[in-house]
Amino acid sequence: MSLKWYNKKWVTVVLHIAAWTLLFSLPFILRPNYGDNSHKQKEDIGGIIGYLVNDAIYVSFFYFNALFLIPAFIYKRKYNQYSVIVVVCFAAVLLVTGFIFFSVLAQPRFNIRGHFLFNFFFFLFFLAGSTAYRMIKDRTRADRVAREKENENLKTELSLLRSQASPHFMFNVLNNMVALARKKSDLLEPSLLKFSSLMRYMLYETDEDKVQLEKEIEYLQSYIDLQQLRFGKNVTIAVNMQTNDGNYEIEPMLLIPFVENAFKHGTGMIEDAHIEIDLKAEKGVLIFVVKNKYNPASIEIKDKTSGIGLNNVRRRLNLLYGDKQKLQITEKDNWFTVSLNLNLH
């Protein structure tokens, strides 16, 4: 995976150099100018050299703490050793900056207390800054890795859910084919043709992340036609599917479990079996309603694959759309109703 430009090493180096340059330039930028001070030029040059050497010391400590001390001691819970090393580093800073004060700046007077206090707070500032820098950097990296793992896990889970849906659906359709073959029905041949169109869709379209909504509707219609050939006049089927605007896309095999469930539980020992399927896509919103009559008195012995469809699609909806979808399932007056509102954008 290629890194984004702002994650490349050279960009990080340039940003660090720019940040240090800005930070250490502030005293010169903010220093007031009182006119010609040429007689202090020599003193200013010595002060600048001392200032730059002092800055280099603190920058070195910043990266020494961030890149070595924290991973080697803090992350390994060696707090006592870390404290000793930090104290030694502070003592070294005091000695080196004191030497600069005498040798480079050539100052005759030296205030030990002021020197200690100034460097103490300056040292604490760089210690806290380097620690925060390392902690934030590692936390950001850990969050990024966690997100990448989560995305990969979601992709894997969606792939498994999709592969689970197809065999379950094929199992039911093949059972329908067997029933027609046993009856030696003339409907077997057109049913096989419909089944081949379903297989073509499942083989060549469902590998994509999304498909055109029109293709998904054609797939649903082929399945409904197949079931209508099977049940004939024994089941009343009312279908109304339309898209009023836009070329919408949807995840493949997302809607079929609702229709499949209606035929599975809305046929058989049910008087006046009736199934209604309505689909409407308008202004970026898909409204999909599937209703079927059911017999609450009938006792169904569920097999091991029972319930895969709706549980599967509910999980896929949560993974893919989150709060941009609303699924309602109700049972009232011997009608089982599934209503899905989906934001296609």
Protein backbone atom coordinates (compact mmCIF):
# COMPACT_ATOMS: atom_id res chain seq x y z
CA MET A 1 0.00 0.00 0.00
CA SER A 2 1.50 3.34 -1.05
CA LEU A 3 1.85 6.00 1.61
CA LYS A 4 -0.01 9.24 1.24
CA TRP A 5 2.30 12.19 0.58
CA TYR A 6 1.93 13.62 4.08
CA ASN A 7 3.04 10.29 5.60
CA LYS A 8 6.30 10.12 3.65
CA LYS A 9 9.55 10.46 5.59
CA TRP A 10 10.90 13.47 3.71
CA VAL A 11 7.69 15.43 4.41
CA THR A 12 8.06 14.65 8.13
CA VAL A 13 11.69 15.85 8.09
CA VAL A 14 10.77 19.09 6.33
CA LEU A 15 7.93 19.76 8.78
CA HIS A 16 10.21 19.18 11.78
CA ILE A 17 12.87 21.52 10.40
CA ALA A 18 10.25 24.18 9.72
CA ALA A 19 8.80 23.85 13.23
CA TRP A 20 12.21 24.15 14.93
CA THR A 21 13.18 27.08 12.72
CA LEU A 22 9.99 28.93 13.59
CA LEU A 23 10.28 28.17 17.31
CA PHE A 24 13.89 29.30 17.67
CA SER A 25 13.41 32.33 15.42
CA LEU A 26 10.72 33.82 17.65
CA PRO A 27 13.16 35.60 20.04
CA PHE A 28 14.77 37.38 17.07
CA ILE A 29 11.48 38.12 15.34
CA LEU A 30 9.86 39.51 18.48
CA ARG A 31 12.96 41.41 19.70
CA PRO A 32 12.42 45.19 19.48
CA ASN A 33 14.75 47.21 17.29
CA TYR A 34 16.04 50.41 18.94
CA GLY A 35 18.06 51.73 16.02
CA ASP A 36 21.75 51.37 15.26
CA ASN A 37 23.54 49.07 17.67
CA SER A 38 26.66 48.44 15.62
CA HIS A 39 28.89 48.67 18.66
CA LYS A 40 27.20 45.50 19.99
CA GLN A 41 27.65 43.55 16.76
CA LYS A 42 30.48 41.44 18.09
CA GLU A 43 28.54 40.66 21.24
CA ASP A 44 25.44 39.75 19.21
CA ILE A 45 27.41 37.33 17.02
CA GLY A 46 28.74 35.54 20.08
CA GLY A 47 25.25 35.46 21.57
CA ILE A 48 23.78 33.98 18.39
CA ILE A 49 26.43 31.25 18.30
CA GLY A 50 25.78 30.40 21.93
CA TYR A 51 22.03 30.47 21.34
CA LEU A 52 22.30 28.07 18.37
CA VAL A 53 24.54 25.65 20.26
CA ASN A 54 22.12 25.76 23.20
CA ASP A 55 19.20 25.07 20.84
CA ALA A 56 21.05 22.15 19.28
CA ILE A 57 21.53 20.62 22.74
CA TYR A 58 17.84 20.79 23.57
CA VAL A 59 16.76 19.51 20.14
CA SER A 60 19.14 16.57 20.58
CA PHE A 61 17.61 15.81 23.97
CA PHE A 62 14.09 16.10 22.46
CA TYR A 63 14.77 13.33 19.93
CA PHE A 64 16.91 11.29 22.34
CA ASN A 65 13.99 11.16 24.75
CA ALA A 66 11.31 10.59 22.07
CA LEU A 67 13.15 8.01 19.96
CA PHE A 68 15.15 6.11 22.57
CA LEU A 69 14.31 6.76 26.23
CA ILE A 70 10.52 6.43 26.06
CA PRO A 71 10.43 3.16 24.01
CA ALA A 72 13.31 1.65 26.00
CA PHE A 73 12.18 2.61 29.51
CA ILE A 74 8.67 4.12 29.75
CA TYR A 75 6.99 1.52 27.51
CA LYS A 76 8.82 -1.23 29.40
CA ARG A 77 7.82 0.25 32.78
CA LYS A 78 11.42 0.93 33.84
CA TYR A 79 10.48 4.18 35.52
CA ASN A 80 13.36 4.30 38.04
CA GLN A 81 16.03 3.88 35.36
CA TYR A 82 14.27 6.46 33.21
CA SER A 83 14.23 8.98 36.05
CA VAL A 84 17.95 8.51 36.70
CA ILE A 85 18.83 8.98 33.03
CA VAL A 86 16.68 12.13 32.80
CA VAL A 87 18.41 13.60 35.85
CA VAL A 88 21.83 12.78 34.33
CA CYS A 89 20.77 14.44 31.07
CA PHE A 90 19.69 17.56 32.95
CA ALA A 91 23.00 17.71 34.78
CA ALA A 92 24.83 17.36 31.45
CA VAL A 93 22.74 20.18 29.99
CA LEU A 94 23.61 22.41 32.95
CA LEU A 95 27.33 21.72 32.52
CA VAL A 96 27.37 22.24 28.74
CA THR A 97 25.27 25.40 28.81
CA GLY A 98 27.42 26.72 31.67
CA PHE A 99 30.54 26.09 29.61
CA ILE A 100 28.94 27.96 26.68
CA PHE A 101 28.15 30.84 29.01
CA PHE A 102 31.80 31.19 30.00
CA SER A 103 33.66 30.24 26.82
CA VAL A 104 31.46 31.54 24.00
CA LEU A 105 29.71 34.45 25.66
CA ALA A 106 32.68 35.22 27.92
CA GLN A 107 30.47 36.51 30.70
CA PRO A 108 32.40 37.38 33.86
CA ARG A 109 29.45 37.00 36.19
CA PHE A 110 27.56 33.75 36.59
CA ASN A 111 24.35 33.33 38.62
CA ILE A 112 24.13 29.66 39.51
CA ARG A 113 20.57 29.91 40.81
CA GLY A 114 19.29 31.78 37.76
CA HIS A 115 21.16 29.41 35.44
CA PHE A 116 19.61 26.40 37.19
CA LEU A 117 16.05 27.77 37.20
CA PHE A 118 16.14 28.93 33.58
CA ASN A 119 17.44 25.59 32.30
CA PHE A 120 15.17 23.61 34.64
CA PHE A 121 11.97 25.04 33.16
CA PHE A 122 13.41 24.96 29.64
CA PHE A 123 14.38 21.30 30.18
CA LEU A 124 10.92 20.44 31.52
CA PHE A 125 9.34 22.08 28.47
CA PHE A 126 11.38 19.93 26.07
CA LEU A 127 10.92 16.81 28.20
CA ALA A 128 7.13 17.24 28.20
CA GLY A 129 7.07 18.17 24.51
CA SER A 130 9.12 15.16 23.39
CA THR A 131 7.07 12.81 25.59
CA ALA A 132 3.79 14.17 24.21
CA TYR A 133 5.17 13.97 20.67
CA ARG A 134 6.10 10.30 21.06
CA MET A 135 2.85 9.36 22.80
CA ILE A 136 0.67 11.12 20.20
CA LYS A 137 2.69 9.65 17.34
CA ASP A 138 2.38 6.10 18.68
CA ARG A 139 -1.30 6.55 19.50
CA THR A 140 -2.00 7.87 16.01
CA ARG A 141 -0.13 4.97 14.46
CA ALA A 142 -1.97 2.46 16.67
CA ASP A 143 -5.34 4.01 15.74
CA ARG A 144 -4.46 3.87 12.05
CA VAL A 145 -3.44 0.21 12.30
CA ALA A 146 -6.61 -0.57 14.27
CA ARG A 147 -8.74 1.12 11.60
CA GLU A 148 -6.98 -0.80 8.85
CA LYS A 149 -7.51 -4.08 10.72
CA GLU A 150 -11.15 -3.20 11.31
CA ASN A 151 -11.66 -2.41 7.62
CA GLU A 152 -10.04 -5.70 6.64
CA ASN A 153 -12.17 -7.58 9.16
CA LEU A 154 -15.31 -5.90 7.83
CA LYS A 155 -14.37 -6.77 4.26
CA THR A 156 -13.76 -10.37 5.29
CA GLU A 157 -17.02 -10.56 7.22
CA LEU A 158 -19.03 -9.05 4.36
CA SER A 159 -17.44 -11.50 1.96
CA LEU A 160 -18.37 -14.39 4.23
CA LEU A 161 -21.93 -13.10 4.66
CA ARG A 162 -22.33 -12.75 0.90
CA SER A 163 -20.95 -16.22 0.24
CA GLN A 164 -23.30 -17.56 2.92
CA ALA A 165 -26.33 -15.98 1.23
CA SER A 166 -25.71 -17.50 -2.19
CA PRO A 167 -25.58 -21.21 -1.18
CA HIS A 168 -28.63 -20.76 1.04
CA PHE A 169 -30.58 -19.19 -1.81
CA MET A 170 -29.41 -21.81 -4.32
CA PHE A 171 -30.40 -24.57 -1.91
CA ASN A 172 -34.00 -23.28 -1.82
CA VAL A 173 -34.24 -22.76 -5.58
CA LEU A 174 -32.88 -26.23 -6.33
CA ASN A 175 -35.49 -27.66 -3.97
CA ASN A 176 -38.09 -25.92 -6.11
CA MET A 177 -36.57 -27.50 -9.23
CA VAL A 178 -36.75 -30.95 -7.63
CA ALA A 179 -40.43 -30.42 -6.78
CA LEU A 180 -41.24 -29.50 -10.41
CA ALA A 181 -39.24 -32.46 -11.74
CA ARG A 182 -41.15 -34.88 -9.50
CA LYS A 183 -44.42 -33.50 -10.83
CA LYS A 184 -43.05 -33.78 -14.40
CA SER A 185 -44.32 -30.29 -14.87
CA ASP A 186 -44.06 -28.43 -18.18
CA LEU A 187 -42.92 -25.48 -16.11
CA LEU A 188 -39.55 -27.12 -15.45
CA GLU A 189 -37.94 -25.86 -18.69
CA PRO A 190 -38.89 -22.15 -18.26
CA SER A 191 -37.95 -22.48 -14.61
CA LEU A 192 -34.48 -23.70 -15.58
CA LEU A 193 -34.10 -20.75 -17.94
CA LYS A 194 -35.00 -18.36 -15.13
CA PHE A 195 -32.62 -20.19 -12.86
CA SER A 196 -29.80 -19.82 -15.38
CA SER A 197 -30.36 -16.05 -15.45
CA LEU A 198 -30.17 -16.00 -11.66
CA MET A 199 -26.94 -18.00 -11.76
CA ARG A 200 -25.48 -15.62 -14.34
CA TYR A 201 -26.17 -12.69 -12.04
CA MET A 202 -24.71 -14.47 -9.01
CA LEU A 203 -21.54 -15.48 -10.86
CA TYR A 204 -20.75 -12.31 -12.76
CA GLU A 205 -22.26 -9.45 -10.77
CA THR A 206 -21.97 -10.28 -7.09
CA ASP A 207 -18.16 -10.09 -7.05
CA GLU A 208 -18.50 -6.31 -7.32
CA ASP A 209 -18.88 -4.16 -4.22
CA LYS A 210 -21.98 -2.56 -5.72
CA VAL A 211 -24.25 -3.13 -8.71
CA GLN A 212 -26.78 -1.01 -10.51
CA LEU A 213 -30.13 -1.01 -8.73
CA GLU A 214 -31.81 -1.85 -12.04
CA LYS A 215 -29.82 -5.10 -12.21
CA GLU A 216 -30.79 -6.00 -8.67
CA ILE A 217 -34.44 -5.36 -9.57
CA GLU A 218 -34.11 -7.60 -12.65
CA TYR A 219 -32.65 -10.29 -10.41
CA LEU A 220 -35.56 -9.97 -7.97
CA GLN A 221 -38.04 -10.12 -10.82
CA SER A 222 -36.45 -13.30 -12.21
CA TYR A 223 -36.72 -14.92 -8.80
CA ILE A 224 -40.36 -13.83 -8.42
CA ASP A 225 -41.18 -15.15 -11.92
CA LEU A 226 -39.55 -18.42 -11.01
CA GLN A 227 -41.69 -18.75 -7.91
CA GLN A 228 -44.79 -17.74 -9.83
CA LEU A 229 -44.14 -20.56 -12.31
CA ARG A 230 -43.91 -22.93 -9.40
CA PHE A 231 -47.02 -21.89 -7.45
CA GLY A 232 -49.25 -20.73 -10.30
CA LYS A 233 -52.66 -19.66 -9.05
CA ASN A 234 -52.12 -21.05 -5.57
CA VAL A 235 -50.44 -17.83 -4.47
CA THR A 236 -51.47 -14.28 -5.31
CA ILE A 237 -48.38 -12.20 -6.02
CA ALA A 238 -48.53 -8.40 -6.38
CA VAL A 239 -45.31 -6.73 -7.50
CA ASN A 240 -44.57 -3.05 -8.02
CA MET A 241 -40.91 -2.08 -8.42
CA GLN A 242 -39.82 1.23 -9.91
CA THR A 243 -37.02 3.79 -9.79
CA ASN A 244 -38.20 7.30 -10.50
CA ASP A 245 -34.86 9.07 -10.82
CA GLY A 246 -31.12 8.58 -10.84
CA ASN A 247 -28.78 5.70 -11.53
CA TYR A 248 -28.52 4.21 -8.09
CA GLU A 249 -26.18 1.50 -6.85
CA ILE A 250 -26.68 -1.08 -4.14
CA GLU A 251 -24.80 -4.03 -2.65
CA PRO A 252 -25.66 -7.22 -4.56
CA MET A 253 -27.87 -9.87 -2.99
CA LEU A 254 -29.01 -7.43 -0.32
CA LEU A 255 -32.78 -7.50 -0.99
CA ILE A 256 -33.35 -11.08 -2.08
CA PRO A 257 -33.51 -12.58 1.46
CA PHE A 258 -36.68 -10.56 2.18
CA VAL A 259 -38.41 -11.89 -0.93
CA GLU A 260 -37.11 -15.39 -0.35
CA ASN A 261 -38.38 -15.30 3.23
CA ALA A 262 -41.85 -14.22 2.04
CA PHE A 263 -42.13 -17.22 -0.29
CA LYS A 264 -40.70 -19.59 2.28
CA HIS A 265 -43.12 -18.64 5.07
CA GLY A 266 -46.03 -17.23 3.05
CA THR A 267 -46.86 -20.37 1.06
CA GLY A 268 -47.89 -23.90 1.87
CA MET A 269 -50.60 -24.54 4.46
CA ILE A 270 -51.94 -21.00 4.25
CA GLU A 271 -55.43 -20.18 3.12
CA ASP A 272 -55.57 -17.44 0.50
CA ALA A 273 -51.77 -17.11 0.28
CA HIS A 274 -50.85 -13.57 -0.70
CA ILE A 275 -47.49 -11.84 -1.19
CA GLU A 276 -46.95 -8.13 -1.89
CA ILE A 277 -43.62 -6.65 -2.98
CA ASP A 278 -43.16 -2.88 -3.38
CA LEU A 279 -39.92 -1.11 -4.25
CA LYS A 280 -39.48 2.58 -4.88
CA ALA A 281 -36.26 4.58 -5.26
CA GLU A 282 -36.60 8.35 -5.31
CA LYS A 283 -34.42 11.28 -4.20
CA GLY A 284 -31.65 8.96 -3.04
CA VAL A 285 -33.89 6.88 -0.77
CA LEU A 286 -34.93 3.28 -1.34
CA ILE A 287 -38.22 2.15 0.20
CA PHE A 288 -38.66 -1.61 0.05
CA VAL A 289 -41.69 -3.36 1.55
CA VAL A 290 -42.41 -7.09 1.47
CA LYS A 291 -45.62 -8.47 2.97
CA ASN A 292 -46.92 -12.01 3.18
CA LYS A 293 -49.78 -13.76 4.91
CA TYR A 294 -48.85 -16.39 7.44
CA ASN A 295 -50.63 -18.93 9.60
CA PRO A 296 -49.81 -18.31 13.29
CA ALA A 297 -51.31 -21.67 14.22
CA SER A 298 -48.91 -23.66 12.07
CA ILE A 299 -45.91 -25.17 13.79
CA GLU A 300 -42.78 -25.14 11.71
CA ILE A 301 -39.86 -27.40 12.40
CA LYS A 302 -36.82 -25.32 11.55
CA ASP A 303 -33.84 -26.89 9.87
CA LYS A 304 -30.23 -25.93 10.48
CA THR A 305 -30.29 -23.29 7.74
CA SER A 306 -33.52 -21.65 8.86
CA GLY A 307 -33.19 -17.97 9.56
CA ILE A 308 -29.90 -17.47 7.73
CA GLY A 309 -31.50 -15.05 5.27
CA LEU A 310 -32.90 -12.35 7.56
CA ASN A 311 -30.11 -12.60 10.13
CA ASN A 312 -27.62 -12.32 7.32
CA VAL A 313 -29.17 -9.26 5.71
CA ARG A 314 -29.66 -7.51 9.06
CA ARG A 315 -25.95 -7.93 9.80
CA ARG A 316 -24.96 -6.74 6.33
CA LEU A 317 -27.17 -3.67 6.64
CA ASN A 318 -25.56 -2.73 9.95
CA LEU A 319 -22.07 -3.19 8.55
CA LEU A 320 -22.62 -1.37 5.27
CA TYR A 321 -25.06 1.41 6.11
CA GLY A 322 -25.04 1.86 9.89
CA ASP A 323 -27.59 4.50 10.86
CA LYS A 324 -28.36 5.28 7.19
CA GLN A 325 -30.84 2.41 7.10
CA LYS A 326 -33.97 1.51 9.01
CA LEU A 327 -35.34 -2.01 9.04
CA GLN A 328 -38.72 -2.77 10.59
CA ILE A 329 -40.25 -6.25 10.90
CA THR A 330 -43.82 -6.54 12.16
CA GLU A 331 -46.44 -9.27 12.58
CA LYS A 332 -50.03 -8.07 12.70
CA ASP A 333 -53.41 -9.52 11.67
CA ASN A 334 -51.79 -12.60 10.13
CA TRP A 335 -49.53 -10.41 7.98
CA PHE A 336 -45.74 -10.51 8.21
CA THR A 337 -44.27 -7.20 6.98
CA VAL A 338 -40.67 -6.23 6.33
CA SER A 339 -40.04 -2.55 5.64
CA LEU A 340 -36.61 -1.21 4.68
CA ASN A 341 -35.67 2.45 4.24
CA LEU A 342 -32.21 2.84 2.79
CA ASN A 343 -30.16 5.95 2.02
CA LEU A 344 -28.54 5.06 -1.30
CA HIS A 345 -26.06 7.93 -1.01
